[in-house]
């Protein structure tokens, strides 16, 4: 099958290039997620928890891509879930920033 603009190798229906990119993405986001969970474990604040959860949301994206690649998830479902994961990540990061700023403000008042 020839797809315009698509460069990569195939073994039958198996896309080698997509697999490499998804694998690298999954490993990188998993490492970042582990770092975020470690930071939360050390700090224990709500802001760190929200950032760690946002990083978990990032790990979900290459997993969804892999599921779509093997046909376990339809393209429409994959597209919807990816946008949902993006929205959750944004909301969690905004919540972490708000919580950190609110906490800093309370600390300044107590001094």
N, C-alpha and C. Protein backbone atom coordinates (compact mmCIF):
# COMPACT_ATOMS: atom_id res chain seq x y z
N UNK A 1 0.85 -1.18 0.00
CA UNK A 1 0.00 0.00 0.00
C UNK A 1 0.89 1.24 0.00
N UNK A 2 0.65 2.13 -0.92
CA UNK A 2 1.39 3.38 -1.00
C UNK A 2 0.56 4.51 -0.41
N UNK A 3 1.13 5.16 0.57
CA UNK A 3 0.47 6.31 1.19
C UNK A 3 1.32 7.54 0.89
N UNK A 4 0.74 8.57 0.25
CA UNK A 4 1.54 9.76 -0.06
C UNK A 4 2.15 10.36 1.20
N UNK A 5 3.43 10.70 1.13
CA UNK A 5 4.11 11.32 2.26
C UNK A 5 4.53 10.35 3.34
N UNK A 6 4.28 9.05 3.15
CA UNK A 6 4.63 8.06 4.17
C UNK A 6 5.96 7.42 3.81
N UNK A 7 6.90 7.49 4.73
CA UNK A 7 8.21 6.89 4.52
C UNK A 7 8.41 5.86 5.61
N UNK A 8 8.79 4.67 5.25
CA UNK A 8 9.04 3.66 6.26
C UNK A 8 8.90 2.27 5.69
N UNK A 9 9.28 1.31 6.51
CA UNK A 9 9.23 -0.07 6.09
C UNK A 9 8.00 -0.78 6.59
N UNK A 10 7.62 -1.81 5.87
CA UNK A 10 6.46 -2.60 6.24
C UNK A 10 6.80 -4.08 6.16
N UNK A 11 6.26 -4.84 7.07
CA UNK A 11 6.27 -6.29 6.99
C UNK A 11 4.81 -6.69 6.90
N UNK A 12 4.31 -6.80 5.71
CA UNK A 12 2.88 -7.04 5.54
C UNK A 12 2.11 -5.80 5.99
N UNK A 13 1.20 -5.98 6.92
CA UNK A 13 0.43 -4.85 7.44
C UNK A 13 1.13 -4.18 8.62
N UNK A 14 2.28 -4.71 9.04
CA UNK A 14 3.00 -4.20 10.20
C UNK A 14 3.85 -3.00 9.80
N UNK A 15 3.65 -1.87 10.44
CA UNK A 15 4.38 -0.64 10.16
C UNK A 15 5.59 -0.55 11.10
N UNK A 16 6.76 -0.79 10.57
CA UNK A 16 7.98 -0.78 11.36
C UNK A 16 8.27 0.62 11.89
N UNK A 17 8.12 1.63 11.04
CA UNK A 17 8.44 2.99 11.46
C UNK A 17 7.50 3.47 12.57
N UNK A 18 6.22 3.20 12.46
CA UNK A 18 5.27 3.59 13.50
C UNK A 18 5.60 2.90 14.82
N UNK A 19 5.98 1.64 14.73
CA UNK A 19 6.30 0.88 15.93
C UNK A 19 7.52 1.46 16.64
N UNK A 20 8.52 1.84 15.88
CA UNK A 20 9.73 2.43 16.48
C UNK A 20 9.39 3.76 17.15
N UNK A 21 8.63 4.59 16.47
CA UNK A 21 8.27 5.90 17.03
C UNK A 21 7.40 5.73 18.28
N UNK A 22 6.42 4.86 18.23
CA UNK A 22 5.56 4.62 19.39
C UNK A 22 6.34 4.01 20.55
N UNK A 23 7.25 3.11 20.25
CA UNK A 23 8.07 2.51 21.31
C UNK A 23 8.97 3.54 21.98
N UNK A 24 9.62 4.38 21.18
CA UNK A 24 10.48 5.43 21.74
C UNK A 24 9.66 6.42 22.56
N UNK A 25 8.50 6.76 22.05
CA UNK A 25 7.62 7.68 22.77
C UNK A 25 7.14 7.08 24.09
N UNK A 26 6.78 5.81 24.06
CA UNK A 26 6.32 5.14 25.28
C UNK A 26 7.43 5.07 26.32
N UNK A 27 8.65 4.75 25.89
CA UNK A 27 9.77 4.69 26.83
C UNK A 27 10.10 6.06 27.41
N UNK A 28 10.11 7.09 26.57
CA UNK A 28 10.44 8.44 27.04
C UNK A 28 9.37 8.95 28.01
N UNK A 29 8.10 8.78 27.67
CA UNK A 29 7.05 9.27 28.56
C UNK A 29 6.97 8.45 29.84
N UNK A 30 7.27 7.16 29.76
CA UNK A 30 7.29 6.34 30.98
C UNK A 30 8.41 6.78 31.92
N UNK A 31 9.58 7.11 31.36
CA UNK A 31 10.69 7.60 32.18
C UNK A 31 10.34 8.94 32.82
N UNK A 32 9.72 9.82 32.04
CA UNK A 32 9.30 11.11 32.56
C UNK A 32 8.23 10.94 33.65
N UNK A 33 7.32 10.02 33.43
CA UNK A 33 6.27 9.73 34.41
C UNK A 33 6.89 9.20 35.71
N UNK A 34 7.85 8.32 35.59
CA UNK A 34 8.53 7.79 36.76
C UNK A 34 9.23 8.90 37.54
N UNK A 35 9.85 9.83 36.83
CA UNK A 35 10.50 10.97 37.49
C UNK A 35 9.46 11.83 38.21
N UNK A 36 8.31 12.03 37.58
CA UNK A 36 7.25 12.81 38.22
C UNK A 36 6.68 12.13 39.45
N UNK A 37 6.50 10.82 39.38
CA UNK A 37 6.00 10.08 40.54
C UNK A 37 7.02 10.08 41.67
N UNK A 38 8.31 10.01 41.32
CA UNK A 38 9.36 10.07 42.33
C UNK A 38 9.37 11.44 43.00
N UNK A 39 9.21 12.49 42.22
CA UNK A 39 9.17 13.85 42.78
C UNK A 39 7.97 14.00 43.70
N UNK A 40 6.82 13.46 43.29
CA UNK A 40 5.64 13.54 44.16
C UNK A 40 5.88 12.78 45.47
N UNK A 41 6.50 11.63 45.37
CA UNK A 41 6.76 10.82 46.56
C UNK A 41 7.67 11.57 47.54
N UNK A 42 8.62 12.32 47.01
CA UNK A 42 9.54 13.07 47.87
C UNK A 42 8.90 14.33 48.44
N UNK A 43 8.13 15.05 47.63
CA UNK A 43 7.55 16.32 48.06
C UNK A 43 6.19 16.14 48.73
N UNK A 44 5.36 15.29 48.16
CA UNK A 44 4.06 14.98 48.75
C UNK A 44 3.02 16.08 48.66
N UNK A 45 3.24 17.10 47.84
CA UNK A 45 2.26 18.18 47.75
C UNK A 45 1.22 17.87 46.67
N UNK A 46 0.11 18.59 46.75
CA UNK A 46 -0.96 18.38 45.79
C UNK A 46 -0.52 18.80 44.39
N UNK A 47 0.28 19.86 44.27
CA UNK A 47 0.76 20.30 42.96
C UNK A 47 1.61 19.22 42.30
N UNK A 48 2.47 18.57 43.07
CA UNK A 48 3.29 17.48 42.51
C UNK A 48 2.42 16.29 42.10
N UNK A 49 1.38 16.03 42.87
CA UNK A 49 0.46 14.96 42.51
C UNK A 49 -0.22 15.25 41.18
N UNK A 50 -0.68 16.49 41.00
CA UNK A 50 -1.35 16.85 39.76
C UNK A 50 -0.41 16.76 38.56
N UNK A 51 0.84 17.17 38.74
CA UNK A 51 1.81 17.05 37.65
C UNK A 51 2.09 15.58 37.35
N UNK A 52 2.22 14.76 38.39
CA UNK A 52 2.46 13.32 38.18
C UNK A 52 1.29 12.68 37.43
N UNK A 53 0.06 13.07 37.77
CA UNK A 53 -1.11 12.54 37.06
C UNK A 53 -1.14 13.02 35.61
N UNK A 54 -0.70 14.25 35.35
CA UNK A 54 -0.62 14.74 33.98
C UNK A 54 0.39 13.91 33.18
N UNK A 55 1.49 13.55 33.81
CA UNK A 55 2.49 12.72 33.13
C UNK A 55 1.96 11.31 32.86
N UNK A 56 1.12 10.80 33.75
CA UNK A 56 0.45 9.52 33.49
C UNK A 56 -0.44 9.65 32.25
N UNK A 57 -1.11 10.81 32.13
CA UNK A 57 -1.92 11.06 30.93
C UNK A 57 -1.10 11.07 29.66
N UNK A 58 0.14 11.55 29.75
CA UNK A 58 1.02 11.52 28.58
C UNK A 58 1.42 10.10 28.20
N UNK A 59 1.57 9.24 29.20
CA UNK A 59 1.92 7.84 28.92
C UNK A 59 0.77 7.15 28.17
N UNK A 60 -0.45 7.58 28.44
CA UNK A 60 -1.60 6.96 27.79
C UNK A 60 -1.60 7.18 26.28
N UNK A 61 -1.00 8.25 25.81
CA UNK A 61 -1.07 8.57 24.39
C UNK A 61 -0.34 7.57 23.48
N UNK A 62 0.91 7.19 23.76
CA UNK A 62 1.51 6.17 22.89
C UNK A 62 0.83 4.81 23.04
N UNK A 63 0.27 4.55 24.22
CA UNK A 63 -0.48 3.30 24.40
C UNK A 63 -1.69 3.30 23.48
N UNK A 64 -2.41 4.42 23.44
CA UNK A 64 -3.57 4.53 22.55
C UNK A 64 -3.14 4.41 21.09
N UNK A 65 -2.00 5.01 20.76
CA UNK A 65 -1.49 4.89 19.40
C UNK A 65 -1.17 3.46 19.02
N UNK A 66 -0.57 2.73 19.95
CA UNK A 66 -0.29 1.31 19.69
C UNK A 66 -1.55 0.49 19.53
N UNK A 67 -2.53 0.77 20.37
CA UNK A 67 -3.81 0.05 20.25
C UNK A 67 -4.49 0.34 18.92
N UNK A 68 -4.39 1.58 18.46
CA UNK A 68 -4.97 1.93 17.16
C UNK A 68 -4.20 1.26 16.03
N UNK A 69 -2.89 1.17 16.18
CA UNK A 69 -2.06 0.58 15.13
C UNK A 69 -2.37 -0.90 14.93
N UNK A 70 -2.65 -1.61 16.03
CA UNK A 70 -2.93 -3.04 15.89
C UNK A 70 -4.41 -3.32 15.65
N UNK A 71 -5.23 -2.26 15.63
CA UNK A 71 -6.64 -2.43 15.31
C UNK A 71 -7.54 -2.68 16.50
N UNK A 72 -7.00 -2.57 17.72
CA UNK A 72 -7.82 -2.79 18.92
C UNK A 72 -8.75 -1.61 19.20
N UNK A 73 -8.38 -0.43 18.67
CA UNK A 73 -9.18 0.78 18.83
C UNK A 73 -9.40 1.37 17.45
N UNK A 74 -10.61 1.76 17.15
CA UNK A 74 -10.90 2.34 15.84
C UNK A 74 -10.25 3.72 15.72
N UNK A 75 -10.01 4.16 14.49
CA UNK A 75 -9.41 5.49 14.32
C UNK A 75 -10.24 6.61 14.95
N UNK A 76 -11.54 6.53 14.85
CA UNK A 76 -12.39 7.58 15.44
C UNK A 76 -12.28 7.58 16.97
N UNK A 77 -12.29 6.40 17.56
CA UNK A 77 -12.15 6.29 19.01
C UNK A 77 -10.78 6.77 19.45
N UNK A 78 -9.74 6.38 18.71
CA UNK A 78 -8.38 6.82 19.00
C UNK A 78 -8.29 8.33 18.98
N UNK A 79 -8.87 8.94 17.95
CA UNK A 79 -8.83 10.39 17.81
C UNK A 79 -9.53 11.07 18.99
N UNK A 80 -10.69 10.58 19.36
CA UNK A 80 -11.44 11.16 20.48
C UNK A 80 -10.70 10.99 21.79
N UNK A 81 -10.16 9.81 22.04
CA UNK A 81 -9.43 9.57 23.28
C UNK A 81 -8.14 10.39 23.37
N UNK A 82 -7.47 10.58 22.24
CA UNK A 82 -6.26 11.40 22.24
C UNK A 82 -6.58 12.85 22.62
N UNK A 83 -7.65 13.39 22.05
CA UNK A 83 -8.04 14.76 22.41
C UNK A 83 -8.48 14.84 23.86
N UNK A 84 -9.16 13.81 24.34
CA UNK A 84 -9.55 13.76 25.75
C UNK A 84 -8.33 13.72 26.66
N UNK A 85 -7.34 12.94 26.30
CA UNK A 85 -6.11 12.86 27.10
C UNK A 85 -5.38 14.20 27.09
N UNK A 86 -5.37 14.88 25.94
CA UNK A 86 -4.75 16.21 25.88
C UNK A 86 -5.45 17.18 26.82
N UNK A 87 -6.78 17.16 26.82
CA UNK A 87 -7.55 18.06 27.68
C UNK A 87 -7.29 17.76 29.16
N UNK A 88 -7.22 16.49 29.51
CA UNK A 88 -6.96 16.11 30.91
C UNK A 88 -5.57 16.58 31.34
N UNK A 89 -4.58 16.41 30.48
CA UNK A 89 -3.22 16.85 30.80
C UNK A 89 -3.19 18.36 31.03
N UNK A 90 -3.83 19.11 30.15
CA UNK A 90 -3.86 20.57 30.29
C UNK A 90 -4.54 20.97 31.60
N UNK A 91 -5.69 20.37 31.90
CA UNK A 91 -6.40 20.72 33.13
C UNK A 91 -5.58 20.37 34.38
N UNK A 92 -4.91 19.24 34.37
CA UNK A 92 -4.09 18.87 35.52
C UNK A 92 -2.91 19.81 35.71
N UNK A 93 -2.27 20.21 34.63
CA UNK A 93 -1.15 21.15 34.75
C UNK A 93 -1.64 22.51 35.23
N UNK A 94 -2.76 22.98 34.68
CA UNK A 94 -3.32 24.25 35.15
C UNK A 94 -3.69 24.17 36.63
N UNK A 95 -4.24 23.05 37.05
CA UNK A 95 -4.57 22.86 38.46
C UNK A 95 -3.32 22.87 39.33
N UNK A 96 -2.25 22.26 38.85
CA UNK A 96 -1.00 22.24 39.61
C UNK A 96 -0.42 23.65 39.75
N UNK A 97 -0.47 24.42 38.67
CA UNK A 97 0.04 25.79 38.73
C UNK A 97 -0.81 26.62 39.69
N UNK A 98 -2.13 26.49 39.59
CA UNK A 98 -3.01 27.24 40.48
C UNK A 98 -2.76 26.86 41.94
N UNK A 99 -2.65 25.57 42.20
CA UNK A 99 -2.43 25.10 43.57
C UNK A 99 -1.09 25.59 44.12
N UNK A 100 -0.06 25.54 43.29
CA UNK A 100 1.26 25.99 43.74
C UNK A 100 1.24 27.49 44.03
N UNK A 101 0.59 28.26 43.18
CA UNK A 101 0.52 29.71 43.40
C UNK A 101 -0.32 30.03 44.63
N UNK A 102 -1.43 29.31 44.82
CA UNK A 102 -2.28 29.55 45.99
C UNK A 102 -1.54 29.19 47.27
N UNK A 103 -0.79 28.10 47.24
CA UNK A 103 -0.03 27.67 48.40
C UNK A 103 1.09 28.66 48.71
N UNK A 104 1.78 29.18 47.68
CA UNK A 104 2.84 30.17 47.89
C UNK A 104 2.27 31.43 48.52
N UNK A 105 1.09 31.84 48.09
CA UNK A 105 0.47 33.03 48.64
C UNK A 105 0.13 32.86 50.11
N UNK A 106 -0.35 31.68 50.49
CA UNK A 106 -0.67 31.42 51.89
C UNK A 106 0.59 31.40 52.74
N UNK A 107 1.68 30.89 52.18
CA UNK A 107 2.94 30.85 52.93
C UNK A 107 3.45 32.26 53.19
N UNK A 108 3.31 33.14 52.20
CA UNK A 108 3.79 34.51 52.36
C UNK A 108 2.99 35.25 53.42
N UNK A 109 1.71 34.99 53.54
CA UNK A 109 0.87 35.67 54.53
C UNK A 109 1.26 35.26 55.93
N UNK A 110 1.63 34.01 56.12
CA UNK A 110 1.97 33.50 57.46
C UNK A 110 3.27 34.07 58.00
N UNK A 111 4.16 34.51 57.16
CA UNK A 111 5.49 34.96 57.60
C UNK A 111 5.42 36.20 58.37
